[in-house]
């Protein structure tokens, strides 16, 4: 007994016709007749009797059909299960991300993710790039989003965005009218920095070899830097993704003449298969990055851009 024979029997039971059953199975009537005959030989009892032009199932056929239907319902359930897994994945999604992505990209990425997977539990963990790498390498997180490429051999890094640092000042600051900021413009300005020793801090500081800035405040999160700048506590250079995501009307974003790269990576492990949910989250994060970059795409030094916000020029103190 094989699947084709059982499938032919089920089709004949449903249609009471060898010819109609053949049409359902996209085969010929002689094939259906042959499969039914082989099935009867295997089972050891007759399945159908002919009365004129009609096929009448035997009592044995009716009893056998009940078990066949249960089996096919199980197969259909398996098909539904596979379809659900294709659409939604399984279980819980664990994401690890650096602070700038957690705070500025992930909320909108989660909004997009929820439109596709409304009932999947998601855990978002925040840590430095080295911590995110460890989470993914050990399988604690299904996918990570980092700003630095580490040397963990089991990890795969895919760059999903490249931004270039911009100067930020309060909308009332004396530099707010400028279209381009140069290192010399920061002379004697209170400067709010990322932590000493961090990769991004070093990328910024190298453009100030004869440093005339006043390094007044140090904090690990660019979102905090932007908020402090908007309150007039100093000026800074940040990843524009952060300033654009905040949309703070008290903040003015100005292109910086020097190139400070802020890459972002999707991190997965060679040791753990990337599931459907992780791939969908990566798609959502990419989409948010694309929106924040704007219609012109990635912005490079020398191109000024204001983040979307209400017009504050009339209320700015001079």
C-alpha atoms as a PDB file:
ATOM      1  CA  UNK A   1       0.000   0.000   0.000  1.00  0.00           C
ATOM      2  CA  UNK A   2       1.396   3.382  -1.011  1.00  0.00           C
ATOM      3  CA  UNK A   3       0.238   6.974  -0.861  1.00  0.00           C
ATOM      4  CA  UNK A   4      -1.003   7.122  -4.478  1.00  0.00           C
ATOM      5  CA  UNK A   5      -3.282   4.133  -3.894  1.00  0.00           C
ATOM      6  CA  UNK A   6      -4.738   5.630  -0.701  1.00  0.00           C
ATOM      7  CA  UNK A   7      -5.124   9.032  -2.372  1.00  0.00           C
ATOM      8  CA  UNK A   8      -6.973   7.415  -5.296  1.00  0.00           C
ATOM      9  CA  UNK A   9      -9.274   5.558  -2.888  1.00  0.00           C
ATOM     10  CA  UNK A  10     -10.086   8.779  -1.046  1.00  0.00           C
ATOM     11  CA  UNK A  11     -10.828  10.619  -4.299  1.00  0.00           C
ATOM     12  CA  UNK A  12     -13.199   7.844  -5.459  1.00  0.00           C
ATOM     13  CA  UNK A  13     -14.952   7.829  -2.076  1.00  0.00           C
ATOM     14  CA  UNK A  14     -15.481  11.585  -2.364  1.00  0.00           C
ATOM     15  CA  UNK A  15     -16.702  11.576  -5.984  1.00  0.00           C
ATOM     16  CA  UNK A  16     -18.141   8.052  -6.416  1.00  0.00           C
ATOM     17  CA  UNK A  17     -16.574   8.079  -9.871  1.00  0.00           C
ATOM     18  CA  UNK A  18     -13.284   6.758 -11.243  1.00  0.00           C
ATOM     19  CA  UNK A  19     -13.357   9.342 -14.023  1.00  0.00           C
ATOM     20  CA  UNK A  20     -14.048  12.328 -11.750  1.00  0.00           C
ATOM     21  CA  UNK A  21     -11.434  11.090  -9.265  1.00  0.00           C
ATOM     22  CA  UNK A  22      -8.891  10.940 -12.087  1.00  0.00           C
ATOM     23  CA  UNK A  23      -9.647  14.590 -12.883  1.00  0.00           C
ATOM     24  CA  UNK A  24      -9.043  15.603  -9.244  1.00  0.00           C
ATOM     25  CA  UNK A  25      -5.721  13.752  -9.214  1.00  0.00           C
ATOM     26  CA  UNK A  26      -4.657  15.028 -12.649  1.00  0.00           C
ATOM     27  CA  UNK A  27      -4.204  11.508 -13.996  1.00  0.00           C
ATOM     28  CA  UNK A  28      -6.088   9.025 -16.211  1.00  0.00           C
ATOM     29  CA  UNK A  29      -9.054   6.841 -15.275  1.00  0.00           C
ATOM     30  CA  UNK A  30      -7.115   3.595 -15.999  1.00  0.00           C
ATOM     31  CA  UNK A  31      -4.454   4.681 -13.488  1.00  0.00           C
ATOM     32  CA  UNK A  32      -7.096   5.212 -10.794  1.00  0.00           C
ATOM     33  CA  UNK A  33      -8.658   1.816 -11.551  1.00  0.00           C
ATOM     34  CA  UNK A  34      -5.232   0.154 -11.331  1.00  0.00           C
ATOM     35  CA  UNK A  35      -4.378   1.830  -8.016  1.00  0.00           C
ATOM     36  CA  UNK A  36      -7.726   0.794  -6.514  1.00  0.00           C
ATOM     37  CA  UNK A  37      -7.196  -2.804  -7.655  1.00  0.00           C
ATOM     38  CA  UNK A  38      -3.700  -2.894  -6.147  1.00  0.00           C
ATOM     39  CA  UNK A  39      -5.039  -1.427  -2.894  1.00  0.00           C
ATOM     40  CA  UNK A  40      -7.784  -4.065  -2.715  1.00  0.00           C
ATOM     41  CA  UNK A  41      -5.158  -6.770  -3.233  1.00  0.00           C
ATOM     42  CA  UNK A  42      -3.022  -5.352  -0.429  1.00  0.00           C
ATOM     43  CA  UNK A  43      -5.952  -4.913   1.982  1.00  0.00           C
ATOM     44  CA  UNK A  44      -7.524  -8.280   1.222  1.00  0.00           C
ATOM     45  CA  UNK A  45     -11.075  -7.036   0.761  1.00  0.00           C
ATOM     46  CA  UNK A  46     -13.232  -5.424  -1.914  1.00  0.00           C
ATOM     47  CA  UNK A  47     -13.673  -1.659  -1.748  1.00  0.00           C
ATOM     48  CA  UNK A  48     -16.303  -0.919  -4.403  1.00  0.00           C
ATOM     49  CA  UNK A  49     -19.151  -2.677  -6.162  1.00  0.00           C
ATOM     50  CA  UNK A  50     -20.567  -1.541  -9.483  1.00  0.00           C
ATOM     51  CA  UNK A  51     -24.343  -1.132  -9.721  1.00  0.00           C
ATOM     52  CA  UNK A  52     -25.055  -0.033 -13.281  1.00  0.00           C
ATOM     53  CA  UNK A  53     -22.887   3.055 -13.811  1.00  0.00           C
ATOM     54  CA  UNK A  54     -22.541   3.769 -10.097  1.00  0.00           C
ATOM     55  CA  UNK A  55     -19.785   2.797  -7.650  1.00  0.00           C
ATOM     56  CA  UNK A  56     -21.054   1.664  -4.258  1.00  0.00           C
ATOM     57  CA  UNK A  57     -18.534   1.507  -1.396  1.00  0.00           C
ATOM     58  CA  UNK A  58     -18.585  -1.709   0.613  1.00  0.00           C
ATOM     59  CA  UNK A  59     -18.994  -1.588   4.421  1.00  0.00           C
ATOM     60  CA  UNK A  60     -15.265  -2.407   4.633  1.00  0.00           C
ATOM     61  CA  UNK A  61     -14.505   0.598   2.416  1.00  0.00           C
ATOM     62  CA  UNK A  62     -16.600   2.888   4.651  1.00  0.00           C
ATOM     63  CA  UNK A  63     -14.723   1.680   7.752  1.00  0.00           C
ATOM     64  CA  UNK A  64     -11.348   2.083   6.034  1.00  0.00           C
ATOM     65  CA  UNK A  65     -12.312   5.533   4.751  1.00  0.00           C
ATOM     66  CA  UNK A  66     -12.815   6.820   8.305  1.00  0.00           C
ATOM     67  CA  UNK A  67      -9.178   6.053   9.138  1.00  0.00           C
ATOM     68  CA  UNK A  68      -8.006   7.477   5.800  1.00  0.00           C
ATOM     69  CA  UNK A  69      -9.796  10.767   6.492  1.00  0.00           C
ATOM     70  CA  UNK A  70      -8.181  11.046   9.913  1.00  0.00           C
ATOM     71  CA  UNK A  71      -4.783  10.517   8.310  1.00  0.00           C
ATOM     72  CA  UNK A  72      -5.420  13.168   5.653  1.00  0.00           C
ATOM     73  CA  UNK A  73      -6.654  15.634   8.251  1.00  0.00           C
ATOM     74  CA  UNK A  74      -3.326  15.072  10.010  1.00  0.00           C
ATOM     75  CA  UNK A  75      -1.459  15.752   6.766  1.00  0.00           C
ATOM     76  CA  UNK A  76      -3.431  18.956   6.218  1.00  0.00           C
ATOM     77  CA  UNK A  77      -2.609  19.960   9.781  1.00  0.00           C
ATOM     78  CA  UNK A  78       1.081  19.431   9.036  1.00  0.00           C
ATOM     79  CA  UNK A  79       0.742  21.603   5.944  1.00  0.00           C
ATOM     80  CA  UNK A  80      -0.937  24.341   7.995  1.00  0.00           C
ATOM     81  CA  UNK A  81       1.840  24.057  10.570  1.00  0.00           C
ATOM     82  CA  UNK A  82       4.534  24.417   7.896  1.00  0.00           C
ATOM     83  CA  UNK A  83       2.722  27.426   6.426  1.00  0.00           C
ATOM     84  CA  UNK A  84       2.538  29.040   9.874  1.00  0.00           C
ATOM     85  CA  UNK A  85       6.255  28.471  10.444  1.00  0.00           C
ATOM     86  CA  UNK A  86       7.051  30.030   7.058  1.00  0.00           C
ATOM     87  CA  UNK A  87       4.993  33.114   7.941  1.00  0.00           C
ATOM     88  CA  UNK A  88       5.711  33.537  11.648  1.00  0.00           C
ATOM     89  CA  UNK A  89       8.635  31.380  12.691  1.00  0.00           C
ATOM     90  CA  UNK A  90       8.543  29.680  16.077  1.00  0.00           C
ATOM     91  CA  UNK A  91       8.809  30.539  19.733  1.00  0.00           C
ATOM     92  CA  UNK A  92      10.463  33.661  21.065  1.00  0.00           C
ATOM     93  CA  UNK A  93      12.805  36.093  19.299  1.00  0.00           C
ATOM     94  CA  UNK A  94      15.784  37.355  21.295  1.00  0.00           C
ATOM     95  CA  UNK A  95      17.562  40.444  19.962  1.00  0.00           C
ATOM     96  CA  UNK A  96      20.767  42.086  21.180  1.00  0.00           C
ATOM     97  CA  UNK A  97      21.617  45.630  20.121  1.00  0.00           C
ATOM     98  CA  UNK A  98      23.845  48.565  20.991  1.00  0.00           C
ATOM     99  CA  UNK A  99      22.237  51.540  22.681  1.00  0.00           C
ATOM    100  CA  UNK A 100      21.863  53.783  19.641  1.00  0.00           C
ATOM    101  CA  UNK A 101      19.968  51.084  17.743  1.00  0.00           C
ATOM    102  CA  UNK A 102      17.888  50.010  20.740  1.00  0.00           C
ATOM    103  CA  UNK A 103      16.816  53.572  21.460  1.00  0.00           C
ATOM    104  CA  UNK A 104      16.522  55.072  17.977  1.00  0.00           C
ATOM    105  CA  UNK A 105      15.897  52.263  15.490  1.00  0.00           C
ATOM    106  CA  UNK A 106      14.326  49.373  17.378  1.00  0.00           C
ATOM    107  CA  UNK A 107      11.039  51.087  18.371  1.00  0.00           C
ATOM    108  CA  UNK A 108      10.076  51.682  14.735  1.00  0.00           C
ATOM    109  CA  UNK A 109      11.532  48.317  13.708  1.00  0.00           C
ATOM    110  CA  UNK A 110       9.317  46.666  16.327  1.00  0.00           C
ATOM    111  CA  UNK A 111       6.313  48.531  14.943  1.00  0.00           C
ATOM    112  CA  UNK A 112       7.033  47.094  11.488  1.00  0.00           C
ATOM    113  CA  UNK A 113       7.762  43.647  12.940  1.00  0.00           C
ATOM    114  CA  UNK A 114       4.445  43.619  14.800  1.00  0.00           C
ATOM    115  CA  UNK A 115       2.589  44.223  11.531  1.00  0.00           C
ATOM    116  CA  UNK A 116       3.974  40.885  10.292  1.00  0.00           C
ATOM    117  CA  UNK A 117       4.253  38.913  13.545  1.00  0.00           C
ATOM    118  CA  UNK A 118       1.702  40.289  15.985  1.00  0.00           C
ATOM    119  CA  UNK A 119       1.825  37.541  18.600  1.00  0.00           C
ATOM    120  CA  UNK A 120       5.494  36.557  18.829  1.00  0.00           C
ATOM    121  CA  UNK A 121       7.211  37.405  22.146  1.00  0.00           C
ATOM    122  CA  UNK A 122      10.338  39.516  21.605  1.00  0.00           C
ATOM    123  CA  UNK A 123      13.108  40.210  24.116  1.00  0.00           C
ATOM    124  CA  UNK A 124      15.423  43.147  23.312  1.00  0.00           C
ATOM    125  CA  UNK A 125      18.712  43.270  25.227  1.00  0.00           C
ATOM    126  CA  UNK A 126      21.014  46.305  25.201  1.00  0.00           C
ATOM    127  CA  UNK A 127      24.793  46.137  25.488  1.00  0.00           C
ATOM    128  CA  UNK A 128      28.037  47.197  23.877  1.00  0.00           C
ATOM    129  CA  UNK A 129      29.146  45.689  20.577  1.00  0.00           C
ATOM    130  CA  UNK A 130      31.413  43.184  22.358  1.00  0.00           C
ATOM    131  CA  UNK A 131      28.553  42.067  24.595  1.00  0.00           C
ATOM    132  CA  UNK A 132      26.166  41.758  21.654  1.00  0.00           C
ATOM    133  CA  UNK A 133      28.778  39.583  19.907  1.00  0.00           C
ATOM    134  CA  UNK A 134      28.970  37.251  22.929  1.00  0.00           C
ATOM    135  CA  UNK A 135      25.182  36.979  23.129  1.00  0.00           C
ATOM    136  CA  UNK A 136      24.931  35.919  19.483  1.00  0.00           C
ATOM    137  CA  UNK A 137      27.980  33.624  19.624  1.00  0.00           C
ATOM    138  CA  UNK A 138      26.522  31.689  22.579  1.00  0.00           C
ATOM    139  CA  UNK A 139      23.010  31.499  21.148  1.00  0.00           C
ATOM    140  CA  UNK A 140      21.562  33.690  23.881  1.00  0.00           C
ATOM    141  CA  UNK A 141      20.331  36.048  21.139  1.00  0.00           C
ATOM    142  CA  UNK A 142      19.045  34.979  17.722  1.00  0.00           C
ATOM    143  CA  UNK A 143      20.394  38.115  16.055  1.00  0.00           C
ATOM    144  CA  UNK A 144      22.386  41.150  17.088  1.00  0.00           C
ATOM    145  CA  UNK A 145      22.886  44.692  15.852  1.00  0.00           C
ATOM    146  CA  UNK A 146      26.231  46.298  16.583  1.00  0.00           C
ATOM    147  CA  UNK A 147      28.356  49.278  15.607  1.00  0.00           C
ATOM    148  CA  UNK A 148      31.741  47.527  15.675  1.00  0.00           C
ATOM    149  CA  UNK A 149      32.990  44.442  13.834  1.00  0.00           C
ATOM    150  CA  UNK A 150      34.596  42.146  16.450  1.00  0.00           C
ATOM    151  CA  UNK A 151      37.032  39.302  15.771  1.00  0.00           C
ATOM    152  CA  UNK A 152      34.848  36.428  17.064  1.00  0.00           C
ATOM    153  CA  UNK A 153      35.437  33.744  14.366  1.00  0.00           C
ATOM    154  CA  UNK A 154      31.997  32.108  14.572  1.00  0.00           C
ATOM    155  CA  UNK A 155      30.097  35.303  13.766  1.00  0.00           C
ATOM    156  CA  UNK A 156      28.908  36.741  10.495  1.00  0.00           C
ATOM    157  CA  UNK A 157      28.743  40.537  10.152  1.00  0.00           C
ATOM    158  CA  UNK A 158      26.579  42.131   7.472  1.00  0.00           C
ATOM    159  CA  UNK A 159      26.792  45.906   7.197  1.00  0.00           C
ATOM    160  CA  UNK A 160      23.260  47.250   7.061  1.00  0.00           C
ATOM    161  CA  UNK A 161      23.998  50.962   7.270  1.00  0.00           C
ATOM    162  CA  UNK A 162      26.812  53.485   7.061  1.00  0.00           C
ATOM    163  CA  UNK A 163      26.254  56.964   8.492  1.00  0.00           C
ATOM    164  CA  UNK A 164      28.665  59.873   8.749  1.00  0.00           C
ATOM    165  CA  UNK A 165      28.999  61.989  11.866  1.00  0.00           C
ATOM    166  CA  UNK A 166      27.272  65.369  12.041  1.00  0.00           C
ATOM    167  CA  UNK A 167      27.737  68.302  14.335  1.00  0.00           C
ATOM    168  CA  UNK A 168      24.839  69.073  16.658  1.00  0.00           C
ATOM    169  CA  UNK A 169      24.149  72.362  18.441  1.00  0.00           C
ATOM    170  CA  UNK A 170      21.167  73.899  20.153  1.00  0.00           C
ATOM    171  CA  UNK A 171      18.827  75.722  17.777  1.00  0.00           C
ATOM    172  CA  UNK A 172      19.674  78.955  19.657  1.00  0.00           C
ATOM    173  CA  UNK A 173      23.462  78.430  19.526  1.00  0.00           C
ATOM    174  CA  UNK A 174      25.737  80.850  17.682  1.00  0.00           C
ATOM    175  CA  UNK A 175      26.795  78.048  15.308  1.00  0.00           C
ATOM    176  CA  UNK A 176      23.234  77.092  14.373  1.00  0.00           C
ATOM    177  CA  UNK A 177      23.247  79.235  11.210  1.00  0.00           C
ATOM    178  CA  UNK A 178      26.251  77.457   9.741  1.00  0.00           C
ATOM    179  CA  UNK A 179      25.823  74.943   6.920  1.00  0.00           C
ATOM    180  CA  UNK A 180      29.119  73.174   7.589  1.00  0.00           C
ATOM    181  CA  UNK A 181      31.117  72.791  10.790  1.00  0.00           C
ATOM    182  CA  UNK A 182      34.905  72.457  10.771  1.00  0.00           C
ATOM    183  CA  UNK A 183      37.108  71.364  13.691  1.00  0.00           C
ATOM    184  CA  UNK A 184      38.152  74.987  14.257  1.00  0.00           C
ATOM    185  CA  UNK A 185      34.505  75.951  14.854  1.00  0.00           C
ATOM    186  CA  UNK A 186      34.505  73.921  18.077  1.00  0.00           C
ATOM    187  CA  UNK A 187      37.264  76.014  19.651  1.00  0.00           C
ATOM    188  CA  UNK A 188      36.397  77.002  23.231  1.00  0.00           C
ATOM    189  CA  UNK A 189      33.033  75.240  22.986  1.00  0.00           C
ATOM    190  CA  UNK A 190      31.788  72.959  25.766  1.00  0.00           C
ATOM    191  CA  UNK A 191      31.899  69.554  24.086  1.00  0.00           C
ATOM    192  CA  UNK A 192      29.803  66.574  25.200  1.00  0.00           C
ATOM    193  CA  UNK A 193      31.685  63.361  24.440  1.00  0.00           C
ATOM    194  CA  UNK A 194      31.251  59.631  24.260  1.00  0.00           C
ATOM    195  CA  UNK A 195      33.330  57.684  26.840  1.00  0.00           C
ATOM    196  CA  UNK A 196      37.126  57.873  26.654  1.00  0.00           C
ATOM    197  CA  UNK A 197      38.597  54.737  25.124  1.00  0.00           C
ATOM    198  CA  UNK A 198      35.538  53.919  23.020  1.00  0.00           C
ATOM    199  CA  UNK A 199      35.938  53.286  19.290  1.00  0.00           C
ATOM    200  CA  UNK A 200      33.575  56.085  18.228  1.00  0.00           C
ATOM    201  CA  UNK A 201      35.168  58.581  20.645  1.00  0.00           C
ATOM    202  CA  UNK A 202      38.569  57.868  19.069  1.00  0.00           C
ATOM    203  CA  UNK A 203      37.113  58.276  15.553  1.00  0.00           C
ATOM    204  CA  UNK A 204      35.913  61.781  16.513  1.00  0.00           C
ATOM    205  CA  UNK A 205      38.925  62.889  18.567  1.00  0.00           C
ATOM    206  CA  UNK A 206      41.431  62.167  15.785  1.00  0.00           C
ATOM    207  CA  UNK A 207      40.075  65.223  13.930  1.00  0.00           C
ATOM    208  CA  UNK A 208      41.112  67.461  16.842  1.00  0.00           C
ATOM    209  CA  UNK A 209      44.905  66.957  17.109  1.00  0.00           C
ATOM    210  CA  UNK A 210      45.411  70.391  18.678  1.00  0.00           C
ATOM    211  CA  UNK A 211      42.324  70.097  20.797  1.00  0.00           C
ATOM    212  CA  UNK A 212      40.821  73.461  21.700  1.00  0.00           C
ATOM    213  CA  UNK A 213      37.477  72.050  22.752  1.00  0.00           C
ATOM    214  CA  UNK A 214      36.351  72.174  26.349  1.00  0.00           C
ATOM    215  CA  UNK A 215      35.543  68.524  27.176  1.00  0.00           C
ATOM    216  CA  UNK A 216      32.830  69.203  29.703  1.00  0.00           C
ATOM    217  CA  UNK A 217      30.563  66.145  29.859  1.00  0.00           C
ATOM    218  CA  UNK A 218      31.108  62.459  29.046  1.00  0.00           C
ATOM    219  CA  UNK A 219      28.264  59.963  28.619  1.00  0.00           C
ATOM    220  CA  UNK A 220      27.902  56.587  26.829  1.00  0.00           C
ATOM    221  CA  UNK A 221      24.653  57.210  24.972  1.00  0.00           C
ATOM    222  CA  UNK A 222      24.288  59.471  21.935  1.00  0.00           C
ATOM    223  CA  UNK A 223      20.616  59.999  22.796  1.00  0.00           C
ATOM    224  CA  UNK A 224      21.689  61.545  26.106  1.00  0.00           C
ATOM    225  CA  UNK A 225      24.221  63.714  24.285  1.00  0.00           C
ATOM    226  CA  UNK A 226      21.535  65.008  21.910  1.00  0.00           C
ATOM    227  CA  UNK A 227      19.171  65.817  24.772  1.00  0.00           C
ATOM    228  CA  UNK A 228      21.890  67.689  26.650  1.00  0.00           C
ATOM    229  CA  UNK A 229      22.886  69.626  23.527  1.00  0.00           C
ATOM    230  CA  UNK A 230      19.255  70.623  22.920  1.00  0.00           C
ATOM    231  CA  UNK A 231      19.185  71.995  26.476  1.00  0.00           C
ATOM    232  CA  UNK A 232      22.197  74.194  25.740  1.00  0.00           C
ATOM    233  CA  UNK A 233      24.754  72.238  27.778  1.00  0.00           C
ATOM    234  CA  UNK A 234      27.268  71.999  24.955  1.00  0.00           C
ATOM    235  CA  UNK A 235      27.869  70.859  21.379  1.00  0.00           C
ATOM    236  CA  UNK A 236      28.890  67.492  19.953  1.00  0.00           C
ATOM    237  CA  UNK A 237      29.372  65.190  16.975  1.00  0.00           C
ATOM    238  CA  UNK A 238      27.066  62.170  16.756  1.00  0.00           C
ATOM    239  CA  UNK A 239      25.674  59.505  14.484  1.00  0.00           C
ATOM    240  CA  UNK A 240      22.944  61.341  12.503  1.00  0.00           C
ATOM    241  CA  UNK A 241      20.640  58.345  12.901  1.00  0.00           C
ATOM    242  CA  UNK A 242      20.307  59.353  16.552  1.00  0.00           C
ATOM    243  CA  UNK A 243      19.574  63.037  16.017  1.00  0.00           C
ATOM    244  CA  UNK A 244      17.084  62.281  13.235  1.00  0.00           C
ATOM    245  CA  UNK A 245      15.258  59.645  15.261  1.00  0.00           C
ATOM    246  CA  UNK A 246      14.822  62.030  18.216  1.00  0.00           C
ATOM    247  CA  UNK A 247      13.340  64.825  16.071  1.00  0.00           C
ATOM    248  CA  UNK A 248      14.065  67.342  18.824  1.00  0.00           C
ATOM    249  CA  UNK A 249      12.986  70.832  17.778  1.00  0.00           C
ATOM    250  CA  UNK A 250      15.681  72.317  20.017  1.00  0.00           C
ATOM    251  CA  UNK A 251      18.435  70.535  18.116  1.00  0.00           C
ATOM    252  CA  UNK A 252      20.203  71.649  14.965  1.00  0.00           C
ATOM    253  CA  UNK A 253      22.059  69.075  12.860  1.00  0.00           C
ATOM    254  CA  UNK A 254      24.920  70.451  10.731  1.00  0.00           C
ATOM    255  CA  UNK A 255      27.257  68.561   8.400  1.00  0.00           C
ATOM    256  CA  UNK A 256      30.796  68.026   9.722  1.00  0.00           C
ATOM    257  CA  UNK A 257      33.654  68.683   7.288  1.00  0.00           C
ATOM    258  CA  UNK A 258      35.626  65.609   8.363  1.00  0.00           C
ATOM    259  CA  UNK A 259      34.611  61.998   7.829  1.00  0.00           C
ATOM    260  CA  UNK A 260      33.543  60.131  10.960  1.00  0.00           C
ATOM    261  CA  UNK A 261      32.058  56.774  10.060  1.00  0.00           C
ATOM    262  CA  UNK A 262      29.282  55.169  12.074  1.00  0.00           C
ATOM    263  CA  UNK A 263      28.660  51.696  10.601  1.00  0.00           C
ATOM    264  CA  UNK A 264      25.886  49.387  11.768  1.00  0.00           C
ATOM    265  CA  UNK A 265      25.984  45.602  11.427  1.00  0.00           C
ATOM    266  CA  UNK A 266      23.531  42.714  11.653  1.00  0.00           C
ATOM    267  CA  UNK A 267      25.279  39.938  13.556  1.00  0.00           C
ATOM    268  CA  UNK A 268      24.455  36.234  13.220  1.00  0.00           C
ATOM    269  CA  UNK A 269      26.262  33.030  14.165  1.00  0.00           C
ATOM    270  CA  UNK A 270      27.579  30.310  11.883  1.00  0.00           C
ATOM    271  CA  UNK A 271      26.814  27.796  14.661  1.00  0.00           C
ATOM    272  CA  UNK A 272      23.115  28.597  14.997  1.00  0.00           C
ATOM    273  CA  UNK A 273      20.730  28.684  11.992  1.00  0.00           C
ATOM    274  CA  UNK A 274      19.136  32.085  11.417  1.00  0.00           C
ATOM    275  CA  UNK A 275      15.401  31.615  11.876  1.00  0.00           C
ATOM    276  CA  UNK A 276      12.540  33.289  10.042  1.00  0.00           C
ATOM    277  CA  UNK A 277      11.855  35.724  12.870  1.00  0.00           C
ATOM    278  CA  UNK A 278      15.455  36.946  13.001  1.00  0.00           C
ATOM    279  CA  UNK A 279      15.501  37.512   9.246  1.00  0.00           C
ATOM    280  CA  UNK A 280      12.284  39.506   9.448  1.00  0.00           C
ATOM    281  CA  UNK A 281      13.619  41.641  12.257  1.00  0.00           C
ATOM    282  CA  UNK A 282      16.736  42.373  10.183  1.00  0.00           C
ATOM    283  CA  UNK A 283      14.492  43.461   7.291  1.00  0.00           C
ATOM    284  CA  UNK A 284      12.574  45.788   9.602  1.00  0.00           C
ATOM    285  CA  UNK A 285      15.776  47.331  10.998  1.00  0.00           C
ATOM    286  CA  UNK A 286      17.084  47.924   7.473  1.00  0.00           C
ATOM    287  CA  UNK A 287      13.806  49.611   6.528  1.00  0.00           C
ATOM    288  CA  UNK A 288      14.012  51.993   9.494  1.00  0.00           C
ATOM    289  CA  UNK A 289      17.620  52.857   8.666  1.00  0.00           C
ATOM    290  CA  UNK A 290      16.526  53.615   5.114  1.00  0.00           C
ATOM    291  CA  UNK A 291      13.778  55.937   6.374  1.00  0.00           C
ATOM    292  CA  UNK A 292      16.170  57.774   8.703  1.00  0.00           C
ATOM    293  CA  UNK A 293      18.736  58.192   5.933  1.00  0.00           C
ATOM    294  CA  UNK A 294      16.050  59.983   3.916  1.00  0.00           C
ATOM    295  CA  UNK A 295      15.276  60.007   0.195  1.00  0.00           C
ATOM    296  CA  UNK A 296      18.839  61.019  -0.614  1.00  0.00           C
ATOM    297  CA  UNK A 297      20.229  57.887   1.014  1.00  0.00           C
ATOM    298  CA  UNK A 298      23.486  57.914   2.978  1.00  0.00           C
ATOM    299  CA  UNK A 299      24.715  61.416   3.749  1.00  0.00           C
ATOM    300  CA  UNK A 300      28.411  62.186   3.448  1.00  0.00           C
ATOM    301  CA  UNK A 301      30.420  65.090   4.825  1.00  0.00           C
ATOM    302  CA  UNK A 302      29.733  68.408   3.135  1.00  0.00           C
ATOM    303  CA  UNK A 303      25.981  67.813   2.742  1.00  0.00           C
ATOM    304  CA  UNK A 304      23.829  69.659   5.252  1.00  0.00           C
ATOM    305  CA  UNK A 305      20.532  68.266   6.394  1.00  0.00           C
ATOM    306  CA  UNK A 306      18.070  69.333   9.078  1.00  0.00           C
ATOM    307  CA  UNK A 307      16.140  66.588  10.860  1.00  0.00           C
ATOM    308  CA  UNK A 308      12.342  66.859  10.420  1.00  0.00           C
ATOM    309  CA  UNK A 309      10.932  69.259  13.022  1.00  0.00           C
ATOM    310  CA  UNK A 310       8.742  72.329  13.388  1.00  0.00           C
ATOM    311  CA  UNK A 311      10.199  75.645  12.279  1.00  0.00           C
ATOM    312  CA  UNK A 312      11.870  77.224  15.315  1.00  0.00           C
ATOM    313  CA  UNK A 313      13.707  80.062  13.605  1.00  0.00           C
ATOM    314  CA  UNK A 314      11.293  82.737  14.706  1.00  0.00           C
ATOM    315  CA  UNK A 315      11.595  81.792  18.380  1.00  0.00           C
ATOM    316  CA  UNK A 316      15.372  81.320  18.433  1.00  0.00           C
ATOM    317  CA  UNK A 317      17.209  83.806  20.606  1.00  0.00           C
ATOM    318  CA  UNK A 318      20.102  85.613  18.946  1.00  0.00           C
END
